[in-house]
Amino acid sequence: MRNVDRQGEADRIDRVCESLLLECHLGRERVYTDEMERIIRNVQAYVEENYLEDHDFDKLARDYGLSPTTFRRHWGRLIGQAPARFVMSLRIQRAKRLLLESRMPITTIASYLNFDDPLYFSRKFRDSVGLPATRYRKINRFSPSMTGRAGPGRERAAGGDHEQE
């Protein structure tokens, strides 16, 4: 931790923490209170892995042997928010990370996160976070050394540093 300001050190710390969390999570057997919770948690895990896809939750419910009404009732009880809102929160969390760790333009981030309209993304981001994406990036940026990093896959987005909201 003494060298946390040195370039790349924060990434190394992130990877170690991520590894520890995965080991803790994978090392314990998940115990469900009932079959319905097991089903909902399986759907949740699927959605978390595929959050960039547009999901038909009625079809997902039927695929898991549930009626859409039963699925939504139990999903809300266990997860605490509607399925579509859950996906939106996953996308917004990823957007926050991309805003801080990359120089990708906001329109590129919106497109990467499967938003057809960058203005819709900006509105949803502001509603969720309480700040516009550009402001969030400016006040939460880690350090000047982070400015050279690119987004997913480390590639630099076309359009350079130009940001839009």
C-alpha atoms as a PDB file:
ATOM      1  CA  MET A   1       0.000   0.000   0.000  1.00  0.00           C
ATOM      2  CA  ARG A   2       2.980   2.347   0.382  1.00  0.00           C
ATOM      3  CA  ASN A   3       3.414   2.435  -3.395  1.00  0.00           C
ATOM      4  CA  VAL A   4      -0.245   2.782  -4.322  1.00  0.00           C
ATOM      5  CA  ASP A   5       0.455   5.950  -6.333  1.00  0.00           C
ATOM      6  CA  ARG A   6       2.984   4.182  -8.559  1.00  0.00           C
ATOM      7  CA  GLN A   7       1.556   3.426 -12.002  1.00  0.00           C
ATOM      8  CA  GLY A   8      -0.030  -0.020 -12.198  1.00  0.00           C
ATOM      9  CA  GLU A   9       0.053  -0.593  -8.447  1.00  0.00           C
ATOM     10  CA  ALA A  10      -3.651   0.137  -7.973  1.00  0.00           C
ATOM     11  CA  ASP A  11      -4.442  -2.395 -10.710  1.00  0.00           C
ATOM     12  CA  ARG A  12      -2.358  -5.017  -8.944  1.00  0.00           C
ATOM     13  CA  ILE A  13      -4.168  -4.337  -5.677  1.00  0.00           C
ATOM     14  CA  ASP A  14      -7.521  -4.566  -7.502  1.00  0.00           C
ATOM     15  CA  ARG A  15      -6.575  -7.961  -8.956  1.00  0.00           C
ATOM     16  CA  VAL A  16      -5.479  -9.313  -5.558  1.00  0.00           C
ATOM     17  CA  CYS A  17      -8.730  -8.144  -3.957  1.00  0.00           C
ATOM     18  CA  GLU A  18     -10.770  -9.559  -6.809  1.00  0.00           C
ATOM     19  CA  SER A  19      -8.980 -12.890  -6.463  1.00  0.00           C
ATOM     20  CA  LEU A  20      -9.653 -12.989  -2.725  1.00  0.00           C
ATOM     21  CA  LEU A  21     -13.319 -12.227  -3.222  1.00  0.00           C
ATOM     22  CA  LEU A  22     -13.664 -14.933  -5.857  1.00  0.00           C
ATOM     23  CA  GLU A  23     -11.959 -17.478  -3.632  1.00  0.00           C
ATOM     24  CA  CYS A  24     -14.270 -16.593  -0.755  1.00  0.00           C
ATOM     25  CA  HIS A  25     -17.355 -16.726  -2.940  1.00  0.00           C
ATOM     26  CA  LEU A  26     -16.465 -19.915  -4.794  1.00  0.00           C
ATOM     27  CA  GLY A  27     -15.174 -21.639  -1.684  1.00  0.00           C
ATOM     28  CA  ARG A  28     -18.526 -21.855   0.054  1.00  0.00           C
ATOM     29  CA  GLU A  29     -21.517 -23.879  -0.998  1.00  0.00           C
ATOM     30  CA  ARG A  30     -24.605 -21.778  -1.542  1.00  0.00           C
ATOM     31  CA  VAL A  31     -27.525 -22.855   0.649  1.00  0.00           C
ATOM     32  CA  TYR A  32     -30.998 -21.914  -0.564  1.00  0.00           C
ATOM     33  CA  THR A  33     -34.060 -21.819   1.631  1.00  0.00           C
ATOM     34  CA  ASP A  34     -36.276 -23.307  -1.071  1.00  0.00           C
ATOM     35  CA  GLU A  35     -36.460 -24.345  -4.708  1.00  0.00           C
ATOM     36  CA  MET A  36     -37.899 -20.965  -5.744  1.00  0.00           C
ATOM     37  CA  GLU A  37     -34.878 -19.131  -4.337  1.00  0.00           C
ATOM     38  CA  ARG A  38     -32.546 -21.515  -6.178  1.00  0.00           C
ATOM     39  CA  ILE A  39     -34.339 -20.774  -9.455  1.00  0.00           C
ATOM     40  CA  ILE A  40     -34.337 -17.005  -8.938  1.00  0.00           C
ATOM     41  CA  ARG A  41     -30.649 -16.982  -7.950  1.00  0.00           C
ATOM     42  CA  ASN A  42     -29.806 -19.015 -11.059  1.00  0.00           C
ATOM     43  CA  VAL A  43     -31.653 -16.497 -13.229  1.00  0.00           C
ATOM     44  CA  GLN A  44     -29.899 -13.677 -11.379  1.00  0.00           C
ATOM     45  CA  ALA A  45     -26.499 -15.251 -12.058  1.00  0.00           C
ATOM     46  CA  TYR A  46     -27.406 -15.670 -15.743  1.00  0.00           C
ATOM     47  CA  VAL A  47     -28.511 -12.037 -15.998  1.00  0.00           C
ATOM     48  CA  GLU A  48     -25.362 -10.809 -14.224  1.00  0.00           C
ATOM     49  CA  GLU A  49     -23.184 -12.696 -16.712  1.00  0.00           C
ATOM     50  CA  ASN A  50     -25.209 -11.403 -19.668  1.00  0.00           C
ATOM     51  CA  TYR A  51     -26.148  -7.907 -18.540  1.00  0.00           C
ATOM     52  CA  LEU A  52     -25.361  -6.418 -21.950  1.00  0.00           C
ATOM     53  CA  GLU A  53     -28.137  -8.431 -23.575  1.00  0.00           C
ATOM     54  CA  ASP A  54     -31.729  -7.290 -23.746  1.00  0.00           C
ATOM     55  CA  HIS A  55     -33.630  -9.887 -21.739  1.00  0.00           C
ATOM     56  CA  ASP A  56     -37.196 -11.056 -22.202  1.00  0.00           C
ATOM     57  CA  PHE A  57     -37.950 -11.819 -18.562  1.00  0.00           C
ATOM     58  CA  ASP A  58     -41.285 -13.447 -19.374  1.00  0.00           C
ATOM     59  CA  LYS A  59     -39.470 -15.918 -21.630  1.00  0.00           C
ATOM     60  CA  LEU A  60     -36.737 -16.427 -19.031  1.00  0.00           C
ATOM     61  CA  ALA A  61     -39.411 -17.208 -16.444  1.00  0.00           C
ATOM     62  CA  ARG A  62     -41.023 -19.780 -18.736  1.00  0.00           C
ATOM     63  CA  ASP A  63     -37.604 -21.274 -19.548  1.00  0.00           C
ATOM     64  CA  TYR A  64     -37.135 -21.885 -15.825  1.00  0.00           C
ATOM     65  CA  GLY A  65     -40.628 -23.337 -15.453  1.00  0.00           C
ATOM     66  CA  LEU A  66     -42.316 -20.322 -13.869  1.00  0.00           C
ATOM     67  CA  SER A  67     -45.154 -18.087 -14.887  1.00  0.00           C
ATOM     68  CA  PRO A  68     -44.072 -14.489 -15.488  1.00  0.00           C
ATOM     69  CA  THR A  69     -46.206 -13.314 -12.540  1.00  0.00           C
ATOM     70  CA  THR A  70     -44.722 -15.854 -10.129  1.00  0.00           C
ATOM     71  CA  PHE A  71     -41.229 -15.084 -11.376  1.00  0.00           C
ATOM     72  CA  ARG A  72     -41.609 -11.319 -10.888  1.00  0.00           C
ATOM     73  CA  ARG A  73     -43.157 -11.726  -7.426  1.00  0.00           C
ATOM     74  CA  HIS A  74     -40.321 -13.932  -6.166  1.00  0.00           C
ATOM     75  CA  TRP A  75     -37.649 -11.941  -7.993  1.00  0.00           C
ATOM     76  CA  GLY A  76     -38.834  -8.751  -6.269  1.00  0.00           C
ATOM     77  CA  ARG A  77     -38.901 -10.482  -2.878  1.00  0.00           C
ATOM     78  CA  LEU A  78     -35.380 -11.890  -3.230  1.00  0.00           C
ATOM     79  CA  ILE A  79     -33.573  -9.266  -5.297  1.00  0.00           C
ATOM     80  CA  GLY A  80     -35.395  -6.166  -4.084  1.00  0.00           C
ATOM     81  CA  GLN A  81     -35.972  -4.514  -7.440  1.00  0.00           C
ATOM     82  CA  ALA A  82     -37.655  -5.235 -10.740  1.00  0.00           C
ATOM     83  CA  PRO A  83     -35.635  -7.325 -13.229  1.00  0.00           C
ATOM     84  CA  ALA A  84     -35.258  -4.510 -15.768  1.00  0.00           C
ATOM     85  CA  ARG A  85     -34.115  -2.120 -13.030  1.00  0.00           C
ATOM     86  CA  PHE A  86     -31.603  -4.751 -11.871  1.00  0.00           C
ATOM     87  CA  VAL A  87     -30.100  -4.921 -15.383  1.00  0.00           C
ATOM     88  CA  MET A  88     -30.003  -1.128 -15.554  1.00  0.00           C
ATOM     89  CA  SER A  89     -28.134  -0.969 -12.244  1.00  0.00           C
ATOM     90  CA  LEU A  90     -25.557  -3.484 -13.545  1.00  0.00           C
ATOM     91  CA  ARG A  91     -25.035  -1.367 -16.652  1.00  0.00           C
ATOM     92  CA  ILE A  92     -24.737   1.844 -14.649  1.00  0.00           C
ATOM     93  CA  GLN A  93     -22.171   0.211 -12.338  1.00  0.00           C
ATOM     94  CA  ARG A  94     -20.128  -0.805 -15.386  1.00  0.00           C
ATOM     95  CA  ALA A  95     -20.519   2.706 -16.836  1.00  0.00           C
ATOM     96  CA  LYS A  96     -19.143   4.215 -13.632  1.00  0.00           C
ATOM     97  CA  ARG A  97     -16.103   1.984 -13.843  1.00  0.00           C
ATOM     98  CA  LEU A  98     -15.533   2.772 -17.529  1.00  0.00           C
ATOM     99  CA  LEU A  99     -15.865   6.488 -16.853  1.00  0.00           C
ATOM    100  CA  LEU A 100     -13.158   6.286 -14.201  1.00  0.00           C
ATOM    101  CA  GLU A 101     -10.799   3.814 -15.836  1.00  0.00           C
ATOM    102  CA  SER A 102     -10.920   4.873 -19.459  1.00  0.00           C
ATOM    103  CA  ARG A 103     -10.958   7.896 -21.675  1.00  0.00           C
ATOM    104  CA  MET A 104     -13.729   6.461 -23.823  1.00  0.00           C
ATOM    105  CA  PRO A 105     -16.226   9.084 -24.933  1.00  0.00           C
ATOM    106  CA  ILE A 106     -19.560   8.838 -23.151  1.00  0.00           C
ATOM    107  CA  THR A 107     -21.307   8.022 -26.424  1.00  0.00           C
ATOM    108  CA  THR A 108     -18.963   5.043 -26.875  1.00  0.00           C
ATOM    109  CA  ILE A 109     -19.618   3.869 -23.320  1.00  0.00           C
ATOM    110  CA  ALA A 110     -23.354   4.136 -23.944  1.00  0.00           C
ATOM    111  CA  SER A 111     -23.052   2.082 -27.115  1.00  0.00           C
ATOM    112  CA  TYR A 112     -20.800  -0.510 -25.437  1.00  0.00           C
ATOM    113  CA  LEU A 113     -23.408  -0.934 -22.688  1.00  0.00           C
ATOM    114  CA  ASN A 114     -26.123  -1.540 -25.301  1.00  0.00           C
ATOM    115  CA  PHE A 115     -27.897   1.807 -25.044  1.00  0.00           C
ATOM    116  CA  ASP A 116     -29.275   2.743 -28.458  1.00  0.00           C
ATOM    117  CA  ASP A 117     -29.546   6.404 -27.511  1.00  0.00           C
ATOM    118  CA  PRO A 118     -26.675   8.193 -25.720  1.00  0.00           C
ATOM    119  CA  LEU A 119     -29.100  10.806 -24.389  1.00  0.00           C
ATOM    120  CA  TYR A 120     -31.200   8.055 -22.800  1.00  0.00           C
ATOM    121  CA  PHE A 121     -28.020   6.652 -21.233  1.00  0.00           C
ATOM    122  CA  SER A 122     -27.097  10.092 -19.915  1.00  0.00           C
ATOM    123  CA  ARG A 123     -30.546  10.572 -18.401  1.00  0.00           C
ATOM    124  CA  LYS A 124     -30.531   7.113 -16.765  1.00  0.00           C
ATOM    125  CA  PHE A 125     -26.998   7.679 -15.463  1.00  0.00           C
ATOM    126  CA  ARG A 126     -27.924  11.052 -13.968  1.00  0.00           C
ATOM    127  CA  ASP A 127     -31.116   9.633 -12.426  1.00  0.00           C
ATOM    128  CA  SER A 128     -29.209   6.734 -10.887  1.00  0.00           C
ATOM    129  CA  VAL A 129     -26.011   8.452  -9.753  1.00  0.00           C
ATOM    130  CA  GLY A 130     -27.246  11.988  -9.161  1.00  0.00           C
ATOM    131  CA  LEU A 131     -24.629  13.515 -11.465  1.00  0.00           C
ATOM    132  CA  PRO A 132     -24.166  13.777 -15.206  1.00  0.00           C
ATOM    133  CA  ALA A 133     -21.593  11.297 -16.527  1.00  0.00           C
ATOM    134  CA  THR A 134     -19.063  14.014 -17.429  1.00  0.00           C
ATOM    135  CA  ARG A 135     -19.262  15.510 -13.943  1.00  0.00           C
ATOM    136  CA  TYR A 136     -19.007  12.066 -12.330  1.00  0.00           C
ATOM    137  CA  ARG A 137     -15.857  11.388 -14.353  1.00  0.00           C
ATOM    138  CA  LYS A 138     -14.269  14.719 -13.461  1.00  0.00           C
ATOM    139  CA  ILE A 139     -14.801  14.554  -9.713  1.00  0.00           C
ATOM    140  CA  ASN A 140     -14.099  10.831  -9.247  1.00  0.00           C
ATOM    141  CA  ARG A 141     -11.124  10.300 -11.531  1.00  0.00           C
ATOM    142  CA  PHE A 142      -8.432   8.328  -9.692  1.00  0.00           C
ATOM    143  CA  SER A 143      -5.272  10.117 -10.754  1.00  0.00           C
ATOM    144  CA  PRO A 144      -3.568  11.741 -13.735  1.00  0.00           C
ATOM    145  CA  SER A 145      -1.756   8.448 -14.403  1.00  0.00           C
ATOM    146  CA  MET A 146      -5.132   6.851 -15.178  1.00  0.00           C
ATOM    147  CA  THR A 147      -5.719   9.085 -18.178  1.00  0.00           C
ATOM    148  CA  GLY A 148      -3.658   6.898 -20.498  1.00  0.00           C
ATOM    149  CA  ARG A 149      -5.780   3.818 -19.908  1.00  0.00           C
ATOM    150  CA  ALA A 150      -8.322   2.657 -22.408  1.00  0.00           C
ATOM    151  CA  GLY A 151     -11.609   0.803 -21.900  1.00  0.00           C
ATOM    152  CA  PRO A 152     -12.706  -2.766 -22.557  1.00  0.00           C
ATOM    153  CA  GLY A 153      -9.870  -4.785 -23.945  1.00  0.00           C
ATOM    154  CA  ARG A 154      -7.578  -1.763 -23.363  1.00  0.00           C
ATOM    155  CA  GLU A 155      -8.210  -0.424 -26.857  1.00  0.00           C
ATOM    156  CA  ARG A 156      -8.556   3.286 -27.326  1.00  0.00           C
ATOM    157  CA  ALA A 157     -11.949   4.327 -28.621  1.00  0.00           C
ATOM    158  CA  ALA A 158     -12.230   6.110 -31.918  1.00  0.00           C
ATOM    159  CA  GLY A 159     -12.679   9.803 -31.421  1.00  0.00           C
ATOM    160  CA  GLY A 160      -9.925  10.322 -28.864  1.00  0.00           C
ATOM    161  CA  ASP A 161     -10.720  12.300 -25.770  1.00  0.00           C
ATOM    162  CA  HIS A 162     -13.856  13.980 -27.052  1.00  0.00           C
ATOM    163  CA  GLU A 163     -16.651  13.526 -24.500  1.00  0.00           C
ATOM    164  CA  GLN A 164     -20.312  14.014 -25.089  1.00  0.00           C
ATOM    165  CA  GLU A 165     -23.285  13.766 -22.801  1.00  0.00           C
END
